[in-house]
């Protein structure tokens, strides 16, 4: 059992839930969602296991919160890629660049943070939860919302025909996510960086043309 001193040390920060979540995120970072253990989170936070149940009913609740947080990190990486774009002055050209940035940011997150990428997108959920506010990053959007916004820009710029706008998120997301999983967990995980970059650029070309 944790000592009173360690409990007070945790509560000094004023947010035990956040301390447990931070511990869960670090476990996921090193080992994916399967590495998230509620008892270990309480040990790292310096509290007794029973204290965690005030904030997370069980391990699954903590894993879901970690997944939501990881999706927020992915959204931030996508937003950072968009922010690095140099505007061309063409609405259509800029919208296309932002679509590529969304995909490249997503794949960069998968490569840089494979454990968090797995936690973000391998925990069972459904599409209706993709807009849940807990999945939003610092920029205020979820990955799904970030992609949707760019697709709306493509529509407004006349790049994406109106009849092809419904469900376009599912096609673009599935394509890019598939490559991400092949790179970190599938037969492409042994490829060198140059080959992965080549595959990334050509996949994004396919998504651009296919949308």
C-alpha atoms as a PDB file:
ATOM      1  CA  UNK A   1       0.000   0.000   0.000  1.00  0.00           C
ATOM      2  CA  UNK A   2       1.236   3.486  -0.798  1.00  0.00           C
ATOM      3  CA  UNK A   3       2.382   5.641   2.051  1.00  0.00           C
ATOM      4  CA  UNK A   4       0.448   8.783   3.069  1.00  0.00           C
ATOM      5  CA  UNK A   5       3.417  10.791   1.868  1.00  0.00           C
ATOM      6  CA  UNK A   6       3.200   9.431  -1.680  1.00  0.00           C
ATOM      7  CA  UNK A   7      -0.561   9.999  -1.782  1.00  0.00           C
ATOM      8  CA  UNK A   8      -0.144  13.596  -0.678  1.00  0.00           C
ATOM      9  CA  UNK A   9       2.577  14.046  -3.302  1.00  0.00           C
ATOM     10  CA  UNK A  10       0.170  12.994  -6.042  1.00  0.00           C
ATOM     11  CA  UNK A  11      -2.677  15.111  -4.798  1.00  0.00           C
ATOM     12  CA  UNK A  12      -0.413  18.095  -4.524  1.00  0.00           C
ATOM     13  CA  UNK A  13      -0.895  18.388  -8.299  1.00  0.00           C
ATOM     14  CA  UNK A  14      -4.642  18.457  -7.760  1.00  0.00           C
ATOM     15  CA  UNK A  15      -5.698  15.929 -10.371  1.00  0.00           C
ATOM     16  CA  UNK A  16      -5.383  12.229  -9.640  1.00  0.00           C
ATOM     17  CA  UNK A  17      -7.348  11.315 -12.756  1.00  0.00           C
ATOM     18  CA  UNK A  18      -4.836  13.131 -14.922  1.00  0.00           C
ATOM     19  CA  UNK A  19      -1.938  11.481 -13.091  1.00  0.00           C
ATOM     20  CA  UNK A  20      -3.430   8.047 -13.769  1.00  0.00           C
ATOM     21  CA  UNK A  21      -4.107   8.959 -17.388  1.00  0.00           C
ATOM     22  CA  UNK A  22      -0.561  10.239 -17.846  1.00  0.00           C
ATOM     23  CA  UNK A  23       0.750   6.944 -16.476  1.00  0.00           C
ATOM     24  CA  UNK A  24      -1.510   5.035 -18.857  1.00  0.00           C
ATOM     25  CA  UNK A  25      -0.315   7.091 -21.819  1.00  0.00           C
ATOM     26  CA  UNK A  26       3.313   6.326 -20.985  1.00  0.00           C
ATOM     27  CA  UNK A  27       2.558   2.619 -20.752  1.00  0.00           C
ATOM     28  CA  UNK A  28       0.800   2.739 -24.111  1.00  0.00           C
ATOM     29  CA  UNK A  29       3.676   4.684 -25.623  1.00  0.00           C
ATOM     30  CA  UNK A  30       6.066   1.852 -24.835  1.00  0.00           C
ATOM     31  CA  UNK A  31       3.762  -1.119 -25.424  1.00  0.00           C
ATOM     32  CA  UNK A  32       0.456  -0.159 -26.997  1.00  0.00           C
ATOM     33  CA  UNK A  33      -2.968  -0.581 -25.379  1.00  0.00           C
ATOM     34  CA  UNK A  34      -2.191  -4.076 -24.071  1.00  0.00           C
ATOM     35  CA  UNK A  35       0.522  -2.581 -21.858  1.00  0.00           C
ATOM     36  CA  UNK A  36      -1.932  -0.329 -19.992  1.00  0.00           C
ATOM     37  CA  UNK A  37      -2.530  -1.776 -16.519  1.00  0.00           C
ATOM     38  CA  UNK A  38      -4.652   0.046 -13.953  1.00  0.00           C
ATOM     39  CA  UNK A  39      -2.735  -1.254 -10.943  1.00  0.00           C
ATOM     40  CA  UNK A  40       0.553  -0.147 -12.469  1.00  0.00           C
ATOM     41  CA  UNK A  41      -0.938   3.277 -13.167  1.00  0.00           C
ATOM     42  CA  UNK A  42      -1.836   3.644  -9.485  1.00  0.00           C
ATOM     43  CA  UNK A  43       1.684   2.598  -8.503  1.00  0.00           C
ATOM     44  CA  UNK A  44       3.193   5.229 -10.756  1.00  0.00           C
ATOM     45  CA  UNK A  45       0.771   7.837  -9.450  1.00  0.00           C
ATOM     46  CA  UNK A  46       1.682   6.893  -5.873  1.00  0.00           C
ATOM     47  CA  UNK A  47      -1.788   5.905  -4.645  1.00  0.00           C
ATOM     48  CA  UNK A  48      -3.507   2.726  -3.557  1.00  0.00           C
ATOM     49  CA  UNK A  49      -5.342   0.700  -6.236  1.00  0.00           C
ATOM     50  CA  UNK A  50      -8.704   1.511  -4.656  1.00  0.00           C
ATOM     51  CA  UNK A  51      -8.130   5.226  -5.228  1.00  0.00           C
ATOM     52  CA  UNK A  52      -8.217   4.704  -8.987  1.00  0.00           C
ATOM     53  CA  UNK A  53     -11.809   3.476  -8.972  1.00  0.00           C
ATOM     54  CA  UNK A  54     -13.038   6.957  -8.126  1.00  0.00           C
ATOM     55  CA  UNK A  55     -11.937   7.963 -11.632  1.00  0.00           C
ATOM     56  CA  UNK A  56     -11.830   4.764 -13.724  1.00  0.00           C
ATOM     57  CA  UNK A  57     -14.286   1.942 -13.107  1.00  0.00           C
ATOM     58  CA  UNK A  58     -11.902  -0.659 -14.498  1.00  0.00           C
ATOM     59  CA  UNK A  59      -8.923  -1.195 -16.783  1.00  0.00           C
ATOM     60  CA  UNK A  60     -11.102  -0.853 -19.884  1.00  0.00           C
ATOM     61  CA  UNK A  61     -12.134   2.637 -18.809  1.00  0.00           C
ATOM     62  CA  UNK A  62      -8.503   3.688 -18.450  1.00  0.00           C
ATOM     63  CA  UNK A  63      -7.587   2.143 -21.801  1.00  0.00           C
ATOM     64  CA  UNK A  64     -10.443   4.042 -23.469  1.00  0.00           C
ATOM     65  CA  UNK A  65      -9.285   7.306 -21.925  1.00  0.00           C
ATOM     66  CA  UNK A  66      -5.736   6.598 -23.106  1.00  0.00           C
ATOM     67  CA  UNK A  67      -7.077   5.856 -26.592  1.00  0.00           C
ATOM     68  CA  UNK A  68      -8.992   9.135 -26.648  1.00  0.00           C
ATOM     69  CA  UNK A  69      -5.898  11.039 -25.574  1.00  0.00           C
ATOM     70  CA  UNK A  70      -3.760   9.320 -28.190  1.00  0.00           C
ATOM     71  CA  UNK A  71      -6.253  10.286 -30.885  1.00  0.00           C
ATOM     72  CA  UNK A  72      -5.866  13.868 -29.731  1.00  0.00           C
ATOM     73  CA  UNK A  73      -2.106  13.540 -30.181  1.00  0.00           C
ATOM     74  CA  UNK A  74      -2.666  12.208 -33.703  1.00  0.00           C
ATOM     75  CA  UNK A  75      -4.936  15.161 -34.496  1.00  0.00           C
ATOM     76  CA  UNK A  76      -2.237  17.522 -33.254  1.00  0.00           C
ATOM     77  CA  UNK A  77       0.356  15.894 -35.494  1.00  0.00           C
ATOM     78  CA  UNK A  78      -1.992  16.274 -38.477  1.00  0.00           C
ATOM     79  CA  UNK A  79      -2.594  19.944 -37.600  1.00  0.00           C
ATOM     80  CA  UNK A  80       1.151  20.553 -37.310  1.00  0.00           C
ATOM     81  CA  UNK A  81       1.656  19.154 -40.802  1.00  0.00           C
ATOM     82  CA  UNK A  82      -1.049  21.459 -42.147  1.00  0.00           C
ATOM     83  CA  UNK A  83       0.548  24.457 -40.422  1.00  0.00           C
ATOM     84  CA  UNK A  84       3.852  23.826 -42.212  1.00  0.00           C
ATOM     85  CA  UNK A  85       2.269  24.277 -45.646  1.00  0.00           C
ATOM     86  CA  UNK A  86       3.328  27.317 -47.650  1.00  0.00           C
ATOM     87  CA  UNK A  87       0.179  28.757 -49.305  1.00  0.00           C
ATOM     88  CA  UNK A  88       0.188  28.746 -53.096  1.00  0.00           C
ATOM     89  CA  UNK A  89      -2.549  31.331 -53.591  1.00  0.00           C
ATOM     90  CA  UNK A  90      -4.752  28.738 -55.256  1.00  0.00           C
ATOM     91  CA  UNK A  91      -7.738  27.500 -53.244  1.00  0.00           C
ATOM     92  CA  UNK A  92      -7.685  24.172 -55.059  1.00  0.00           C
ATOM     93  CA  UNK A  93      -3.927  23.776 -54.766  1.00  0.00           C
ATOM     94  CA  UNK A  94      -3.908  24.669 -51.083  1.00  0.00           C
ATOM     95  CA  UNK A  95      -6.770  22.281 -50.328  1.00  0.00           C
ATOM     96  CA  UNK A  96      -4.868  19.479 -52.057  1.00  0.00           C
ATOM     97  CA  UNK A  97      -1.749  20.280 -50.057  1.00  0.00           C
ATOM     98  CA  UNK A  98      -3.740  20.183 -46.830  1.00  0.00           C
ATOM     99  CA  UNK A  99      -5.165  16.791 -47.736  1.00  0.00           C
ATOM    100  CA  UNK A 100      -1.648  15.466 -48.237  1.00  0.00           C
ATOM    101  CA  UNK A 101      -0.552  17.055 -44.971  1.00  0.00           C
ATOM    102  CA  UNK A 102      -3.361  15.329 -43.086  1.00  0.00           C
ATOM    103  CA  UNK A 103      -2.241  11.972 -44.472  1.00  0.00           C
ATOM    104  CA  UNK A 104       1.470  12.557 -43.979  1.00  0.00           C
ATOM    105  CA  UNK A 105       0.929  13.819 -40.423  1.00  0.00           C
ATOM    106  CA  UNK A 106      -1.147  10.747 -39.605  1.00  0.00           C
ATOM    107  CA  UNK A 107       1.512   8.397 -40.987  1.00  0.00           C
ATOM    108  CA  UNK A 108       4.316  10.289 -39.272  1.00  0.00           C
ATOM    109  CA  UNK A 109       2.509   9.825 -35.972  1.00  0.00           C
ATOM    110  CA  UNK A 110       2.249   6.083 -36.677  1.00  0.00           C
ATOM    111  CA  UNK A 111       5.975   5.846 -37.361  1.00  0.00           C
ATOM    112  CA  UNK A 112       7.130   8.062 -34.495  1.00  0.00           C
ATOM    113  CA  UNK A 113       4.678   6.796 -31.872  1.00  0.00           C
ATOM    114  CA  UNK A 114       3.634   3.247 -32.824  1.00  0.00           C
ATOM    115  CA  UNK A 115       2.479   2.393 -29.307  1.00  0.00           C
ATOM    116  CA  UNK A 116       0.234   5.438 -29.112  1.00  0.00           C
ATOM    117  CA  UNK A 117      -0.953   4.910 -32.683  1.00  0.00           C
ATOM    118  CA  UNK A 118      -2.090   1.403 -31.733  1.00  0.00           C
ATOM    119  CA  UNK A 119      -3.752   2.754 -28.608  1.00  0.00           C
ATOM    120  CA  UNK A 120      -5.493   5.466 -30.600  1.00  0.00           C
ATOM    121  CA  UNK A 121      -6.938   3.298 -33.331  1.00  0.00           C
ATOM    122  CA  UNK A 122      -6.889  -0.338 -32.178  1.00  0.00           C
ATOM    123  CA  UNK A 123      -9.154   0.007 -29.138  1.00  0.00           C
ATOM    124  CA  UNK A 124     -12.688  -1.125 -30.074  1.00  0.00           C
ATOM    125  CA  UNK A 125     -15.040   1.775 -30.696  1.00  0.00           C
ATOM    126  CA  UNK A 126     -17.510   2.852 -33.358  1.00  0.00           C
ATOM    127  CA  UNK A 127     -17.742   5.640 -35.890  1.00  0.00           C
ATOM    128  CA  UNK A 128     -20.323   7.488 -33.833  1.00  0.00           C
ATOM    129  CA  UNK A 129     -17.662   8.108 -31.188  1.00  0.00           C
ATOM    130  CA  UNK A 130     -15.153   9.571 -33.660  1.00  0.00           C
ATOM    131  CA  UNK A 131     -16.407  13.084 -32.880  1.00  0.00           C
ATOM    132  CA  UNK A 132     -16.346  12.714 -29.109  1.00  0.00           C
ATOM    133  CA  UNK A 133     -14.748  15.790 -27.558  1.00  0.00           C
ATOM    134  CA  UNK A 134     -12.344  13.689 -25.487  1.00  0.00           C
ATOM    135  CA  UNK A 135     -10.628  12.679 -28.738  1.00  0.00           C
ATOM    136  CA  UNK A 136      -9.829  16.265 -29.684  1.00  0.00           C
ATOM    137  CA  UNK A 137      -6.296  17.548 -29.657  1.00  0.00           C
ATOM    138  CA  UNK A 138      -4.981  20.910 -28.551  1.00  0.00           C
ATOM    139  CA  UNK A 139      -6.344  22.438 -31.748  1.00  0.00           C
ATOM    140  CA  UNK A 140      -9.888  21.473 -30.816  1.00  0.00           C
ATOM    141  CA  UNK A 141     -10.463  18.778 -33.454  1.00  0.00           C
ATOM    142  CA  UNK A 142     -10.400  15.002 -33.601  1.00  0.00           C
ATOM    143  CA  UNK A 143      -8.531  13.237 -36.420  1.00  0.00           C
ATOM    144  CA  UNK A 144     -11.874  12.584 -38.104  1.00  0.00           C
ATOM    145  CA  UNK A 145     -12.888  16.249 -37.835  1.00  0.00           C
ATOM    146  CA  UNK A 146      -9.510  17.345 -39.192  1.00  0.00           C
ATOM    147  CA  UNK A 147      -9.923  15.140 -42.248  1.00  0.00           C
ATOM    148  CA  UNK A 148     -13.548  16.204 -42.715  1.00  0.00           C
ATOM    149  CA  UNK A 149     -12.589  19.872 -42.664  1.00  0.00           C
ATOM    150  CA  UNK A 150     -10.022  19.392 -45.418  1.00  0.00           C
ATOM    151  CA  UNK A 151     -12.481  17.418 -47.531  1.00  0.00           C
ATOM    152  CA  UNK A 152     -14.966  20.263 -47.147  1.00  0.00           C
ATOM    153  CA  UNK A 153     -12.279  22.636 -48.437  1.00  0.00           C
ATOM    154  CA  UNK A 154     -11.749  20.393 -51.452  1.00  0.00           C
ATOM    155  CA  UNK A 155     -15.484  20.477 -52.089  1.00  0.00           C
ATOM    156  CA  UNK A 156     -15.641  24.282 -51.788  1.00  0.00           C
ATOM    157  CA  UNK A 157     -12.657  24.633 -54.128  1.00  0.00           C
ATOM    158  CA  UNK A 158     -14.336  22.511 -56.782  1.00  0.00           C
ATOM    159  CA  UNK A 159     -11.800  19.694 -56.529  1.00  0.00           C
ATOM    160  CA  UNK A 160     -14.165  17.174 -54.967  1.00  0.00           C
ATOM    161  CA  UNK A 161     -17.447  16.686 -56.850  1.00  0.00           C
ATOM    162  CA  UNK A 162     -20.506  17.040 -54.582  1.00  0.00           C
ATOM    163  CA  UNK A 163     -21.720  13.522 -55.376  1.00  0.00           C
ATOM    164  CA  UNK A 164     -18.428  12.075 -54.104  1.00  0.00           C
ATOM    165  CA  UNK A 165     -18.300  14.035 -50.849  1.00  0.00           C
ATOM    166  CA  UNK A 166     -20.536  11.726 -48.729  1.00  0.00           C
ATOM    167  CA  UNK A 167     -18.384   9.103 -47.052  1.00  0.00           C
ATOM    168  CA  UNK A 168     -15.123  10.402 -48.505  1.00  0.00           C
ATOM    169  CA  UNK A 169     -13.597  10.323 -44.994  1.00  0.00           C
ATOM    170  CA  UNK A 170     -13.981   6.552 -44.863  1.00  0.00           C
ATOM    171  CA  UNK A 171     -12.112   5.995 -48.130  1.00  0.00           C
ATOM    172  CA  UNK A 172      -9.239   8.361 -47.393  1.00  0.00           C
ATOM    173  CA  UNK A 173      -8.878   7.254 -43.775  1.00  0.00           C
ATOM    174  CA  UNK A 174      -8.959   3.546 -44.600  1.00  0.00           C
ATOM    175  CA  UNK A 175      -6.265   3.902 -47.240  1.00  0.00           C
ATOM    176  CA  UNK A 176      -3.834   5.866 -45.100  1.00  0.00           C
ATOM    177  CA  UNK A 177      -4.507   3.849 -41.959  1.00  0.00           C
ATOM    178  CA  UNK A 178      -3.876   0.611 -43.820  1.00  0.00           C
ATOM    179  CA  UNK A 179      -0.417   1.760 -44.839  1.00  0.00           C
ATOM    180  CA  UNK A 180       0.292   2.915 -41.290  1.00  0.00           C
ATOM    181  CA  UNK A 181      -0.546  -0.497 -39.842  1.00  0.00           C
ATOM    182  CA  UNK A 182       1.481  -2.318 -42.505  1.00  0.00           C
ATOM    183  CA  UNK A 183       4.467  -0.149 -41.634  1.00  0.00           C
ATOM    184  CA  UNK A 184       4.360  -0.635 -37.874  1.00  0.00           C
ATOM    185  CA  UNK A 185       2.872  -4.122 -37.502  1.00  0.00           C
ATOM    186  CA  UNK A 186       2.796  -5.762 -40.917  1.00  0.00           C
ATOM    187  CA  UNK A 187       5.181  -6.951 -43.596  1.00  0.00           C
ATOM    188  CA  UNK A 188       6.333  -3.403 -44.391  1.00  0.00           C
ATOM    189  CA  UNK A 189       7.787  -2.816 -40.922  1.00  0.00           C
ATOM    190  CA  UNK A 190      11.279  -3.795 -42.071  1.00  0.00           C
ATOM    191  CA  UNK A 191      11.458  -1.313 -44.917  1.00  0.00           C
ATOM    192  CA  UNK A 192      14.031   1.474 -44.829  1.00  0.00           C
ATOM    193  CA  UNK A 193      12.938   5.080 -44.416  1.00  0.00           C
ATOM    194  CA  UNK A 194      13.464   5.951 -48.081  1.00  0.00           C
ATOM    195  CA  UNK A 195      11.158   3.152 -49.225  1.00  0.00           C
ATOM    196  CA  UNK A 196       8.528   4.087 -46.650  1.00  0.00           C
ATOM    197  CA  UNK A 197       8.644   7.706 -47.801  1.00  0.00           C
ATOM    198  CA  UNK A 198       8.257   6.560 -51.398  1.00  0.00           C
ATOM    199  CA  UNK A 199       5.231   4.432 -50.467  1.00  0.00           C
ATOM    200  CA  UNK A 200       3.753   7.311 -48.468  1.00  0.00           C
ATOM    201  CA  UNK A 201       4.052   9.849 -51.275  1.00  0.00           C
ATOM    202  CA  UNK A 202       2.568   7.531 -53.879  1.00  0.00           C
ATOM    203  CA  UNK A 203      -0.281   6.457 -51.621  1.00  0.00           C
ATOM    204  CA  UNK A 204      -1.134  10.107 -51.006  1.00  0.00           C
ATOM    205  CA  UNK A 205      -1.102  10.612 -54.775  1.00  0.00           C
ATOM    206  CA  UNK A 206      -3.608   7.775 -55.094  1.00  0.00           C
ATOM    207  CA  UNK A 207      -5.843   9.241 -52.400  1.00  0.00           C
ATOM    208  CA  UNK A 208      -5.728  12.671 -54.058  1.00  0.00           C
ATOM    209  CA  UNK A 209      -6.661  11.254 -57.453  1.00  0.00           C
ATOM    210  CA  UNK A 210      -9.192   8.810 -56.041  1.00  0.00           C
ATOM    211  CA  UNK A 211     -11.075  11.377 -53.981  1.00  0.00           C
END
